Amino acid sequence: MPQNIKLVASTVEVSDVVGHTVPMHIPETIGGLLHFRYLDLSGIDKLTDLQTLDQFYVRAEGNKLEHLENLNQLQGSLTILTWGDPKMAEKANIANKAHLLHLRLYVDSGDVGA
């Protein structure tokens, strides 16, 4: 994946950055992606210096609570949307996120996680 991504169309809806280890620059023109709906952040667990993550959606295939375990530099507010047993939230290691001021945890107790 190139270090710089040039956005050429406003109809992009999905971006998958799985497994890419090079730093990625997201251009200022990303605001023009009016229909953008999904960004796969597999590997987010390796971004241990990440400071801002507003929302994290847990999915049956993809994002897992464990991916937040070592993101201890997160600051400000974080909303986690997950499903299943609320005790699963312990996998996110929230106690070590001393810089978080607000945490919202929404748990859907249904069987659907996708």
PDB file of N, CA and C in Angstrom:
ATOM      1  N   MET A   1       0.851  -1.172   0.000  1.00  0.00           N
ATOM      2  CA  MET A   1       0.000   0.000   0.000  1.00  0.00           C
ATOM      3  C   MET A   1       0.897   1.236   0.000  1.00  0.00           C
ATOM      4  N   PRO A   2       0.634   2.191  -0.842  1.00  0.00           N
ATOM      5  CA  PRO A   2       1.456   3.388  -0.891  1.00  0.00           C
ATOM      6  C   PRO A   2       1.305   4.219   0.377  1.00  0.00           C
ATOM      7  N   GLN A   3       2.341   5.006   0.690  1.00  0.00           N
ATOM      8  CA  GLN A   3       2.277   5.849   1.879  1.00  0.00           C
ATOM      9  C   GLN A   3       1.239   6.953   1.709  1.00  0.00           C
ATOM     10  N   ASN A   4       1.038   7.412   0.529  1.00  0.00           N
ATOM     11  CA  ASN A   4       0.041   8.437   0.274  1.00  0.00           C
ATOM     12  C   ASN A   4      -1.062   7.848  -0.590  1.00  0.00           C
ATOM     13  N   ILE A   5      -2.277   8.052  -0.164  1.00  0.00           N
ATOM     14  CA  ILE A   5      -3.421   7.558  -0.927  1.00  0.00           C
ATOM     15  C   ILE A   5      -4.084   8.758  -1.566  1.00  0.00           C
ATOM     16  N   LYS A   6      -4.232   8.725  -2.868  1.00  0.00           N
ATOM     17  CA  LYS A   6      -4.906   9.814  -3.559  1.00  0.00           C
ATOM     18  C   LYS A   6      -6.354   9.410  -3.785  1.00  0.00           C
ATOM     19  N   LEU A   7      -7.254  10.184  -3.223  1.00  0.00           N
ATOM     20  CA  LEU A   7      -8.671   9.890  -3.360  1.00  0.00           C
ATOM     21  C   LEU A   7      -9.171  10.559  -4.629  1.00  0.00           C
ATOM     22  N   VAL A   8      -9.686   9.756  -5.536  1.00  0.00           N
ATOM     23  CA  VAL A   8     -10.084  10.290  -6.833  1.00  0.00           C
ATOM     24  C   VAL A   8     -11.578  10.269  -7.058  1.00  0.00           C
ATOM     25  N   ALA A   9     -12.324   9.627  -6.189  1.00  0.00           N
ATOM     26  CA  ALA A   9     -13.766   9.545  -6.406  1.00  0.00           C
ATOM     27  C   ALA A   9     -14.497   9.725  -5.085  1.00  0.00           C
ATOM     28  N   SER A  10     -15.646  10.345  -5.145  1.00  0.00           N
ATOM     29  CA  SER A  10     -16.426  10.557  -3.924  1.00  0.00           C
ATOM     30  C   SER A  10     -17.383   9.395  -3.657  1.00  0.00           C
ATOM     31  N   THR A  11     -17.268   8.327  -4.420  1.00  0.00           N
ATOM     32  CA  THR A  11     -18.183   7.204  -4.240  1.00  0.00           C
ATOM     33  C   THR A  11     -17.545   6.022  -3.511  1.00  0.00           C
ATOM     34  N   VAL A  12     -16.320   6.164  -3.030  1.00  0.00           N
ATOM     35  CA  VAL A  12     -15.675   5.086  -2.291  1.00  0.00           C
ATOM     36  C   VAL A  12     -16.473   4.813  -1.029  1.00  0.00           C
ATOM     37  N   GLU A  13     -16.762   3.533  -0.769  1.00  0.00           N
ATOM     38  CA  GLU A  13     -17.538   3.165   0.410  1.00  0.00           C
ATOM     39  C   GLU A  13     -16.766   2.280   1.378  1.00  0.00           C
ATOM     40  N   VAL A  14     -15.744   1.585   0.907  1.00  0.00           N
ATOM     41  CA  VAL A  14     -15.049   0.617   1.744  1.00  0.00           C
ATOM     42  C   VAL A  14     -13.551   0.757   1.538  1.00  0.00           C
ATOM     43  N   SER A  15     -12.791   0.701   2.636  1.00  0.00           N
ATOM     44  CA  SER A  15     -11.342   0.658   2.546  1.00  0.00           C
ATOM     45  C   SER A  15     -10.841  -0.398   3.507  1.00  0.00           C
ATOM     46  N   ASP A  16      -9.956  -1.247   3.029  1.00  0.00           N
ATOM     47  CA  ASP A  16      -9.428  -2.335   3.823  1.00  0.00           C
ATOM     48  C   ASP A  16      -7.920  -2.138   3.942  1.00  0.00           C
ATOM     49  N   VAL A  17      -7.427  -1.901   5.160  1.00  0.00           N
ATOM     50  CA  VAL A  17      -6.002  -1.676   5.362  1.00  0.00           C
ATOM     51  C   VAL A  17      -5.365  -2.826   6.145  1.00  0.00           C
ATOM     52  N   VAL A  18      -5.939  -4.011   6.018  1.00  0.00           N
ATOM     53  CA  VAL A  18      -5.483  -5.180   6.763  1.00  0.00           C
ATOM     54  C   VAL A  18      -4.046  -5.527   6.405  1.00  0.00           C
ATOM     55  N   GLY A  19      -3.224  -5.724   7.418  1.00  0.00           N
ATOM     56  CA  GLY A  19      -1.889  -6.261   7.229  1.00  0.00           C
ATOM     57  C   GLY A  19      -0.865  -5.306   6.655  1.00  0.00           C
ATOM     58  N   HIS A  20      -1.198  -4.073   6.412  1.00  0.00           N
ATOM     59  CA  HIS A  20      -0.237  -3.132   5.851  1.00  0.00           C
ATOM     60  C   HIS A  20       0.551  -2.496   6.978  1.00  0.00           C
ATOM     61  N   THR A  21       1.863  -2.506   6.854  1.00  0.00           N
ATOM     62  CA  THR A  21       2.699  -2.022   7.938  1.00  0.00           C
ATOM     63  C   THR A  21       3.317  -0.665   7.653  1.00  0.00           C
ATOM     64  N   VAL A  22       3.210  -0.186   6.427  1.00  0.00           N
ATOM     65  CA  VAL A  22       3.789   1.128   6.132  1.00  0.00           C
ATOM     66  C   VAL A  22       2.879   2.214   6.692  1.00  0.00           C
ATOM     67  N   PRO A  23       3.461   3.328   7.135  1.00  0.00           N
ATOM     68  CA  PRO A  23       2.608   4.419   7.601  1.00  0.00           C
ATOM     69  C   PRO A  23       1.717   4.891   6.464  1.00  0.00           C
ATOM     70  N   MET A  24       0.498   5.201   6.786  1.00  0.00           N
ATOM     71  CA  MET A  24      -0.455   5.607   5.774  1.00  0.00           C
ATOM     72  C   MET A  24      -0.886   7.038   6.042  1.00  0.00           C
ATOM     73  N   HIS A  25      -0.801   7.881   5.037  1.00  0.00           N
ATOM     74  CA  HIS A  25      -1.254   9.259   5.148  1.00  0.00           C
ATOM     75  C   HIS A  25      -2.639   9.345   4.523  1.00  0.00           C
ATOM     76  N   ILE A  26      -3.607   9.787   5.314  1.00  0.00           N
ATOM     77  CA  ILE A  26      -4.948   9.978   4.774  1.00  0.00           C
ATOM     78  C   ILE A  26      -5.073  11.447   4.418  1.00  0.00           C
ATOM     79  N   PRO A  27      -5.285  11.753   3.166  1.00  0.00           N
ATOM     80  CA  PRO A  27      -5.287  13.138   2.708  1.00  0.00           C
ATOM     81  C   PRO A  27      -6.461  13.944   3.253  1.00  0.00           C
ATOM     82  N   GLU A  28      -6.285  15.243   3.249  1.00  0.00           N
ATOM     83  CA  GLU A  28      -7.331  16.145   3.722  1.00  0.00           C
ATOM     84  C   GLU A  28      -8.609  16.018   2.910  1.00  0.00           C
ATOM     85  N   THR A  29      -8.510  15.542   1.686  1.00  0.00           N
ATOM     86  CA  THR A  29      -9.682  15.426   0.824  1.00  0.00           C
ATOM     87  C   THR A  29     -10.607  14.287   1.228  1.00  0.00           C
ATOM     88  N   ILE A  30     -10.298  13.590   2.319  1.00  0.00           N
ATOM     89  CA  ILE A  30     -11.160  12.486   2.745  1.00  0.00           C
ATOM     90  C   ILE A  30     -12.569  12.991   3.055  1.00  0.00           C
ATOM     91  N   GLY A  31     -12.708  14.261   3.386  1.00  0.00           N
ATOM     92  CA  GLY A  31     -14.026  14.836   3.647  1.00  0.00           C
ATOM     93  C   GLY A  31     -14.938  14.782   2.443  1.00  0.00           C
ATOM     94  N   GLY A  32     -14.362  14.584   1.263  1.00  0.00           N
ATOM     95  CA  GLY A  32     -15.166  14.492   0.054  1.00  0.00           C
ATOM     96  C   GLY A  32     -15.782  13.119  -0.162  1.00  0.00           C
ATOM     97  N   LEU A  33     -15.445  12.173   0.693  1.00  0.00           N
ATOM     98  CA  LEU A  33     -15.981  10.814   0.554  1.00  0.00           C
ATOM     99  C   LEU A  33     -17.324  10.735   1.275  1.00  0.00           C
ATOM    100  N   LEU A  34     -18.323  11.283   0.661  1.00  0.00           N
ATOM    101  CA  LEU A  34     -19.634  11.412   1.282  1.00  0.00           C
ATOM    102  C   LEU A  34     -20.312  10.081   1.556  1.00  0.00           C
ATOM    103  N   HIS A  35     -19.963   9.043   0.801  1.00  0.00           N
ATOM    104  CA  HIS A  35     -20.633   7.753   0.939  1.00  0.00           C
ATOM    105  C   HIS A  35     -19.767   6.708   1.635  1.00  0.00           C
ATOM    106  N   PHE A  36     -18.666   7.148   2.216  1.00  0.00           N
ATOM    107  CA  PHE A  36     -17.750   6.230   2.896  1.00  0.00           C
ATOM    108  C   PHE A  36     -18.440   5.628   4.107  1.00  0.00           C
ATOM    109  N   ARG A  37     -18.472   4.284   4.200  1.00  0.00           N
ATOM    110  CA  ARG A  37     -19.215   3.627   5.269  1.00  0.00           C
ATOM    111  C   ARG A  37     -18.373   2.705   6.135  1.00  0.00           C
ATOM    112  N   TYR A  38     -17.238   2.238   5.668  1.00  0.00           N
ATOM    113  CA  TYR A  38     -16.544   1.182   6.393  1.00  0.00           C
ATOM    114  C   TYR A  38     -15.039   1.282   6.187  1.00  0.00           C
ATOM    115  N   LEU A  39     -14.307   1.204   7.267  1.00  0.00           N
ATOM    116  CA  LEU A  39     -12.856   1.183   7.227  1.00  0.00           C
ATOM    117  C   LEU A  39     -12.403   0.028   8.096  1.00  0.00           C
ATOM    118  N   ASP A  40     -11.794  -0.976   7.503  1.00  0.00           N
ATOM    119  CA  ASP A  40     -11.330  -2.138   8.258  1.00  0.00           C
ATOM    120  C   ASP A  40     -10.021  -1.775   8.951  1.00  0.00           C
ATOM    121  N   LEU A  41     -10.042  -1.791  10.263  1.00  0.00           N
ATOM    122  CA  LEU A  41      -8.870  -1.432  11.042  1.00  0.00           C
ATOM    123  C   LEU A  41      -8.222  -2.646  11.695  1.00  0.00           C
ATOM    124  N   SER A  42      -8.290  -3.785  11.038  1.00  0.00           N
ATOM    125  CA  SER A  42      -7.593  -4.949  11.569  1.00  0.00           C
ATOM    126  C   SER A  42      -6.132  -4.574  11.743  1.00  0.00           C
ATOM    127  N   GLY A  43      -5.583  -4.938  12.852  1.00  0.00           N
ATOM    128  CA  GLY A  43      -4.216  -4.541  13.160  1.00  0.00           C
ATOM    129  C   GLY A  43      -4.155  -3.295  14.022  1.00  0.00           C
ATOM    130  N   ILE A  44      -5.303  -2.745  14.403  1.00  0.00           N
ATOM    131  CA  ILE A  44      -5.332  -1.545  15.242  1.00  0.00           C
ATOM    132  C   ILE A  44      -4.624  -1.807  16.570  1.00  0.00           C
ATOM    133  N   ASP A  45      -4.575  -3.057  16.993  1.00  0.00           N
ATOM    134  CA  ASP A  45      -3.936  -3.396  18.252  1.00  0.00           C
ATOM    135  C   ASP A  45      -2.439  -3.080  18.260  1.00  0.00           C
ATOM    136  N   LYS A  46      -1.860  -2.899  17.090  1.00  0.00           N
ATOM    137  CA  LYS A  46      -0.441  -2.566  16.991  1.00  0.00           C
ATOM    138  C   LYS A  46      -0.188  -1.060  17.060  1.00  0.00           C
ATOM    139  N   LEU A  47      -1.261  -0.268  17.049  1.00  0.00           N
ATOM    140  CA  LEU A  47      -1.130   1.192  17.109  1.00  0.00           C
ATOM    141  C   LEU A  47      -1.102   1.641  18.565  1.00  0.00           C
ATOM    142  N   THR A  48      -0.077   1.217  19.295  1.00  0.00           N
ATOM    143  CA  THR A  48      -0.035   1.422  20.740  1.00  0.00           C
ATOM    144  C   THR A  48       0.130   2.884  21.149  1.00  0.00           C
ATOM    145  N   ASP A  49       0.468   3.766  20.232  1.00  0.00           N
ATOM    146  CA  ASP A  49       0.562   5.192  20.540  1.00  0.00           C
ATOM    147  C   ASP A  49      -0.689   5.959  20.123  1.00  0.00           C
ATOM    148  N   LEU A  50      -1.694   5.267  19.631  1.00  0.00           N
ATOM    149  CA  LEU A  50      -2.928   5.906  19.194  1.00  0.00           C
ATOM    150  C   LEU A  50      -3.565   6.659  20.366  1.00  0.00           C
ATOM    151  N   GLN A  51      -3.926   7.919  20.134  1.00  0.00           N
ATOM    152  CA  GLN A  51      -4.483   8.752  21.198  1.00  0.00           C
ATOM    153  C   GLN A  51      -5.968   9.026  21.028  1.00  0.00           C
ATOM    154  N   THR A  52      -6.477   8.946  19.814  1.00  0.00           N
ATOM    155  CA  THR A  52      -7.879   9.269  19.583  1.00  0.00           C
ATOM    156  C   THR A  52      -8.572   8.135  18.837  1.00  0.00           C
ATOM    157  N   LEU A  53      -9.621   7.647  19.433  1.00  0.00           N
ATOM    158  CA  LEU A  53     -10.490   6.648  18.818  1.00  0.00           C
ATOM    159  C   LEU A  53     -11.869   6.907  19.398  1.00  0.00           C
ATOM    160  N   ASP A  54     -12.721   7.538  18.625  1.00  0.00           N
ATOM    161  CA  ASP A  54     -14.030   7.951  19.133  1.00  0.00           C
ATOM    162  C   ASP A  54     -14.979   6.781  19.332  1.00  0.00           C
ATOM    163  N   GLN A  55     -15.036   5.871  18.352  1.00  0.00           N
ATOM    164  CA  GLN A  55     -15.961   4.750  18.420  1.00  0.00           C
ATOM    165  C   GLN A  55     -15.264   3.480  17.964  1.00  0.00           C
ATOM    166  N   PHE A  56     -15.642   2.388  18.587  1.00  0.00           N
ATOM    167  CA  PHE A  56     -15.096   1.084  18.216  1.00  0.00           C
ATOM    168  C   PHE A  56     -16.245   0.088  18.182  1.00  0.00           C
ATOM    169  N   TYR A  57     -16.509  -0.462  17.018  1.00  0.00           N
ATOM    170  CA  TYR A  57     -17.585  -1.431  16.826  1.00  0.00           C
ATOM    171  C   TYR A  57     -17.001  -2.828  16.832  1.00  0.00           C
ATOM    172  N   VAL A  58     -17.443  -3.662  17.747  1.00  0.00           N
ATOM    173  CA  VAL A  58     -17.016  -5.047  17.798  1.00  0.00           C
ATOM    174  C   VAL A  58     -17.885  -5.836  16.836  1.00  0.00           C
ATOM    175  N   ARG A  59     -17.265  -6.685  16.035  1.00  0.00           N
ATOM    176  CA  ARG A  59     -17.992  -7.465  15.041  1.00  0.00           C
ATOM    177  C   ARG A  59     -17.608  -8.931  15.174  1.00  0.00           C
ATOM    178  N   ALA A  60     -18.516  -9.806  14.772  1.00  0.00           N
ATOM    179  CA  ALA A  60     -18.251 -11.250  14.838  1.00  0.00           C
ATOM    180  C   ALA A  60     -16.996 -11.589  14.039  1.00  0.00           C
ATOM    181  N   GLU A  61     -16.838 -10.982  12.883  1.00  0.00           N
ATOM    182  CA  GLU A  61     -15.634 -11.165  12.074  1.00  0.00           C
ATOM    183  C   GLU A  61     -15.029  -9.786  11.882  1.00  0.00           C
ATOM    184  N   GLY A  62     -13.886  -9.556  12.463  1.00  0.00           N
ATOM    185  CA  GLY A  62     -13.245  -8.249  12.355  1.00  0.00           C
ATOM    186  C   GLY A  62     -12.826  -7.743  13.719  1.00  0.00           C
ATOM    187  N   ASN A  63     -13.293  -6.569  14.078  1.00  0.00           N
ATOM    188  CA  ASN A  63     -12.888  -5.932  15.325  1.00  0.00           C
ATOM    189  C   ASN A  63     -13.272  -6.771  16.541  1.00  0.00           C
ATOM    190  N   LYS A  64     -12.327  -6.944  17.431  1.00  0.00           N
ATOM    191  CA  LYS A  64     -12.538  -7.668  18.683  1.00  0.00           C
ATOM    192  C   LYS A  64     -12.146  -6.761  19.843  1.00  0.00           C
ATOM    193  N   LEU A  65     -12.747  -6.975  21.002  1.00  0.00           N
ATOM    194  CA  LEU A  65     -12.398  -6.178  22.179  1.00  0.00           C
ATOM    195  C   LEU A  65     -10.920  -6.305  22.524  1.00  0.00           C
ATOM    196  N   GLU A  66     -10.351  -7.462  22.283  1.00  0.00           N
ATOM    197  CA  GLU A  66      -8.936  -7.670  22.562  1.00  0.00           C
ATOM    198  C   GLU A  66      -8.045  -6.709  21.782  1.00  0.00           C
ATOM    199  N   HIS A  67      -8.530  -6.195  20.669  1.00  0.00           N
ATOM    200  CA  HIS A  67      -7.744  -5.270  19.862  1.00  0.00           C
ATOM    201  C   HIS A  67      -7.485  -3.957  20.596  1.00  0.00           C
ATOM    202  N   LEU A  68      -8.266  -3.658  21.618  1.00  0.00           N
ATOM    203  CA  LEU A  68      -8.078  -2.431  22.398  1.00  0.00           C
ATOM    204  C   LEU A  68      -7.146  -2.628  23.591  1.00  0.00           C
ATOM    205  N   GLU A  69      -6.766  -3.856  23.855  1.00  0.00           N
ATOM    206  CA  GLU A  69      -6.048  -4.193  25.081  1.00  0.00           C
ATOM    207  C   GLU A  69      -4.807  -3.333  25.327  1.00  0.00           C
ATOM    208  N   ASN A  70      -3.983  -3.123  24.334  1.00  0.00           N
ATOM    209  CA  ASN A  70      -2.717  -2.407  24.530  1.00  0.00           C
ATOM    210  C   ASN A  70      -2.744  -0.951  24.064  1.00  0.00           C
ATOM    211  N   LEU A  71      -3.929  -0.433  23.768  1.00  0.00           N
ATOM    212  CA  LEU A  71      -4.042   0.961  23.328  1.00  0.00           C
ATOM    213  C   LEU A  71      -4.208   1.859  24.551  1.00  0.00           C
ATOM    214  N   ASN A  72      -3.181   1.928  25.365  1.00  0.00           N
ATOM    215  CA  ASN A  72      -3.258   2.612  26.652  1.00  0.00           C
ATOM    216  C   ASN A  72      -3.002   4.116  26.573  1.00  0.00           C
ATOM    217  N   GLN A  73      -2.762   4.633  25.385  1.00  0.00           N
ATOM    218  CA  GLN A  73      -2.569   6.081  25.223  1.00  0.00           C
ATOM    219  C   GLN A  73      -3.842   6.787  24.786  1.00  0.00           C
ATOM    220  N   LEU A  74      -4.938   6.054  24.662  1.00  0.00           N
ATOM    221  CA  LEU A  74      -6.201   6.670  24.247  1.00  0.00           C
ATOM    222  C   LEU A  74      -6.602   7.760  25.219  1.00  0.00           C
ATOM    223  N   GLN A  75      -7.090   8.874  24.653  1.00  0.00           N
ATOM    224  CA  GLN A  75      -7.464  10.036  25.451  1.00  0.00           C
ATOM    225  C   GLN A  75      -8.883  10.459  25.118  1.00  0.00           C
ATOM    226  N   GLY A  76      -9.464  11.258  25.989  1.00  0.00           N
ATOM    227  CA  GLY A  76     -10.769  11.842  25.698  1.00  0.00           C
ATOM    228  C   GLY A  76     -11.892  10.862  25.896  1.00  0.00           C
ATOM    229  N   SER A  77     -12.712  10.678  24.863  1.00  0.00           N
ATOM    230  CA  SER A  77     -13.909   9.843  24.939  1.00  0.00           C
ATOM    231  C   SER A  77     -13.803   8.650  24.000  1.00  0.00           C
ATOM    232  N   LEU A  78     -14.354   7.537  24.436  1.00  0.00           N
ATOM    233  CA  LEU A  78     -14.408   6.341  23.613  1.00  0.00           C
ATOM    234  C   LEU A  78     -15.769   5.687  23.812  1.00  0.00           C
ATOM    235  N   THR A  79     -16.410   5.344  22.712  1.00  0.00           N
ATOM    236  CA  THR A  79     -17.654   4.597  22.743  1.00  0.00           C
ATOM    237  C   THR A  79     -17.390   3.226  22.136  1.00  0.00           C
ATOM    238  N   ILE A  80     -17.712   2.189  22.894  1.00  0.00           N
ATOM    239  CA  ILE A  80     -17.550   0.820  22.415  1.00  0.00           C
ATOM    240  C   ILE A  80     -18.935   0.224  22.230  1.00  0.00           C
ATOM    241  N   LEU A  81     -19.196  -0.296  21.046  1.00  0.00           N
ATOM    242  CA  LEU A  81     -20.459  -0.977  20.757  1.00  0.00           C
ATOM    243  C   LEU A  81     -20.144  -2.444  20.540  1.00  0.00           C
ATOM    244  N   THR A  82     -20.709  -3.302  21.362  1.00  0.00           N
ATOM    245  CA  THR A  82     -20.391  -4.718  21.295  1.00  0.00           C
ATOM    246  C   THR A  82     -21.664  -5.546  21.469  1.00  0.00           C
ATOM    247  N   TRP A  83     -21.541  -6.821  21.501  1.00  0.00           N
ATOM    248  CA  TRP A  83     -22.666  -7.730  21.645  1.00  0.00           C
ATOM    249  C   TRP A  83     -22.244  -8.862  22.559  1.00  0.00           C
ATOM    250  N   GLY A  84     -23.212  -9.534  23.139  1.00  0.00           N
ATOM    251  CA  GLY A  84     -22.913 -10.669  23.995  1.00  0.00           C
ATOM    252  C   GLY A  84     -22.860 -10.299  25.464  1.00  0.00           C
ATOM    253  N   ASP A  85     -21.975 -10.940  26.186  1.00  0.00           N
ATOM    254  CA  ASP A  85     -21.830 -10.785  27.619  1.00  0.00           C
ATOM    255  C   ASP A  85     -21.066  -9.501  27.939  1.00  0.00           C
ATOM    256  N   PRO A  86     -21.637  -8.590  28.748  1.00  0.00           N
ATOM    257  CA  PRO A  86     -20.944  -7.345  29.098  1.00  0.00           C
ATOM    258  C   PRO A  86     -19.588  -7.580  29.753  1.00  0.00           C
ATOM    259  N   LYS A  87     -19.390  -8.734  30.399  1.00  0.00           N
ATOM    260  CA  LYS A  87     -18.106  -9.021  31.039  1.00  0.00           C
ATOM    261  C   LYS A  87     -16.982  -9.166  30.024  1.00  0.00           C
ATOM    262  N   MET A  88     -17.355  -9.363  28.754  1.00  0.00           N
ATOM    263  CA  MET A  88     -16.347  -9.450  27.700  1.00  0.00           C
ATOM    264  C   MET A  88     -15.560  -8.150  27.583  1.00  0.00           C
ATOM    265  N   ALA A  89     -16.130  -7.056  28.056  1.00  0.00           N
ATOM    266  CA  ALA A  89     -15.466  -5.754  27.959  1.00  0.00           C
ATOM    267  C   ALA A  89     -14.145  -5.738  28.719  1.00  0.00           C
ATOM    268  N   GLU A  90     -13.974  -6.641  29.658  1.00  0.00           N
ATOM    269  CA  GLU A  90     -12.713  -6.720  30.386  1.00  0.00           C
ATOM    270  C   GLU A  90     -11.538  -6.990  29.441  1.00  0.00           C
ATOM    271  N   LYS A  91     -11.812  -7.615  28.314  1.00  0.00           N
ATOM    272  CA  LYS A  91     -10.752  -7.919  27.345  1.00  0.00           C
ATOM    273  C   LYS A  91     -10.140  -6.656  26.759  1.00  0.00           C
ATOM    274  N   ALA A  92     -10.829  -5.534  26.865  1.00  0.00           N
ATOM    275  CA  ALA A  92     -10.313  -4.274  26.336  1.00  0.00           C
ATOM    276  C   ALA A  92      -9.315  -3.624  27.292  1.00  0.00           C
ATOM    277  N   ASN A  93      -9.169  -4.175  28.503  1.00  0.00           N
ATOM    278  CA  ASN A  93      -8.198  -3.676  29.479  1.00  0.00           C
ATOM    279  C   ASN A  93      -8.410  -2.188  29.778  1.00  0.00           C
ATOM    280  N   ILE A  94      -9.637  -1.815  30.038  1.00  0.00           N
ATOM    281  CA  ILE A  94     -10.000  -0.417  30.267  1.00  0.00           C
ATOM    282  C   ILE A  94      -9.261   0.187  31.454  1.00  0.00           C
ATOM    283  N   ALA A  95      -8.966  -0.600  32.466  1.00  0.00           N
ATOM    284  CA  ALA A  95      -8.310  -0.095  33.672  1.00  0.00           C
ATOM    285  C   ALA A  95      -6.969   0.555  33.368  1.00  0.00           C
ATOM    286  N   ASN A  96      -6.299   0.173  32.284  1.00  0.00           N
ATOM    287  CA  ASN A  96      -4.995   0.738  31.936  1.00  0.00           C
ATOM    288  C   ASN A  96      -5.083   1.933  30.995  1.00  0.00           C
ATOM    289  N   LYS A  97      -6.271   2.440  30.782  1.00  0.00           N
ATOM    290  CA  LYS A  97      -6.446   3.592  29.890  1.00  0.00           C
ATOM    291  C   LYS A  97      -6.690   4.838  30.739  1.00  0.00           C
ATOM    292  N   ALA A  98      -5.639   5.272  31.425  1.00  0.00           N
ATOM    293  CA  ALA A  98      -5.726   6.348  32.415  1.00  0.00           C
ATOM    294  C   ALA A  98      -6.094   7.693  31.807  1.00  0.00           C
ATOM    295  N   HIS A  99      -5.890   7.864  30.506  1.00  0.00           N
ATOM    296  CA  HIS A  99      -6.146   9.162  29.871  1.00  0.00           C
ATOM    297  C   HIS A  99      -7.565   9.298  29.340  1.00  0.00           C
ATOM    298  N   LEU A 100      -8.345   8.234  29.395  1.00  0.00           N
ATOM    299  CA  LEU A 100      -9.741   8.306  28.948  1.00  0.00           C
ATOM    300  C   LEU A 100     -10.568   9.062  29.982  1.00  0.00           C
ATOM    301  N   LEU A 101     -11.286  10.068  29.517  1.00  0.00           N
ATOM    302  CA  LEU A 101     -12.144  10.841  30.411  1.00  0.00           C
ATOM    303  C   LEU A 101     -13.567  10.299  30.436  1.00  0.00           C
ATOM    304  N   HIS A 102     -14.025   9.783  29.290  1.00  0.00           N
ATOM    305  CA  HIS A 102     -15.386   9.270  29.172  1.00  0.00           C
ATOM    306  C   HIS A 102     -15.356   7.957  28.417  1.00  0.00           C
ATOM    307  N   LEU A 103     -16.062   6.981  28.951  1.00  0.00           N
ATOM    308  CA  LEU A 103     -16.199   5.693  28.285  1.00  0.00           C
ATOM    309  C   LEU A 103     -17.670   5.332  28.253  1.00  0.00           C
ATOM    310  N   ARG A 104     -18.143   5.029  27.058  1.00  0.00           N
ATOM    311  CA  ARG A 104     -19.515   4.554  26.889  1.00  0.00           C
ATOM    312  C   ARG A 104     -19.435   3.136  26.334  1.00  0.00           C
ATOM    313  N   LEU A 105     -20.123   2.227  26.994  1.00  0.00           N
ATOM    314  CA  LEU A 105     -20.139   0.838  26.554  1.00  0.00           C
ATOM    315  C   LEU A 105     -21.582   0.451  26.288  1.00  0.00           C
ATOM    316  N   TYR A 106     -21.868   0.148  25.039  1.00  0.00           N
ATOM    317  CA  TYR A 106     -23.197  -0.301  24.638  1.00  0.00           C
ATOM    318  C   TYR A 106     -23.099  -1.782  24.305  1.00  0.00           C
ATOM    319  N   VAL A 107     -23.923  -2.589  24.968  1.00  0.00           N
ATOM    320  CA  VAL A 107     -23.885  -4.038  24.769  1.00  0.00           C
ATOM    321  C   VAL A 107     -25.247  -4.494  24.269  1.00  0.00           C
ATOM    322  N   ASP A 108     -25.246  -5.150  23.123  1.00  0.00           N
ATOM    323  CA  ASP A 108     -26.443  -5.779  22.585  1.00  0.00           C
ATOM    324  C   ASP A 108     -26.399  -7.226  23.046  1.00  0.00           C
ATOM    325  N   SER A 109     -27.352  -7.624  23.842  1.00  0.00           N
ATOM    326  CA  SER A 109     -27.328  -8.979  24.403  1.00  0.00           C
ATOM    327  C   SER A 109     -27.830 -10.029  23.424  1.00  0.00           C
ATOM    328  N   GLY A 110     -28.187  -9.619  22.203  1.00  0.00           N
ATOM    329  CA  GLY A 110     -28.649 -10.570  21.194  1.00  0.00           C
ATOM    330  C   GLY A 110     -27.516 -11.424  20.682  1.00  0.00           C
ATOM    331  N   ASP A 111     -27.852 -12.335  19.784  1.00  0.00           N
ATOM    332  CA  ASP A 111     -26.865 -13.263  19.234  1.00  0.00           C
ATOM    333  C   ASP A 111     -26.141 -12.724  18.016  1.00  0.00           C
ATOM    334  N   VAL A 112     -26.535 -11.559  17.535  1.00  0.00           N
ATOM    335  CA  VAL A 112     -25.978 -11.040  16.291  1.00  0.00           C
ATOM    336  C   VAL A 112     -24.791 -10.153  16.606  1.00  0.00           C
ATOM    337  N   GLY A 113     -23.640 -10.417  15.966  1.00  0.00           N
ATOM    338  CA  GLY A 113     -22.450  -9.608  16.176  1.00  0.00           C
ATOM    339  C   GLY A 113     -21.901  -9.043  14.901  1.00  0.00           C
ATOM    340  N   ALA A 114     -22.610  -9.172  13.821  1.00  0.00           N
ATOM    341  CA  ALA A 114     -22.099  -8.671  12.549  1.00  0.00           C
ATOM    342  C   ALA A 114     -22.872  -7.464  12.110  1.00  0.00           C
TER     343      ALA A 114
END
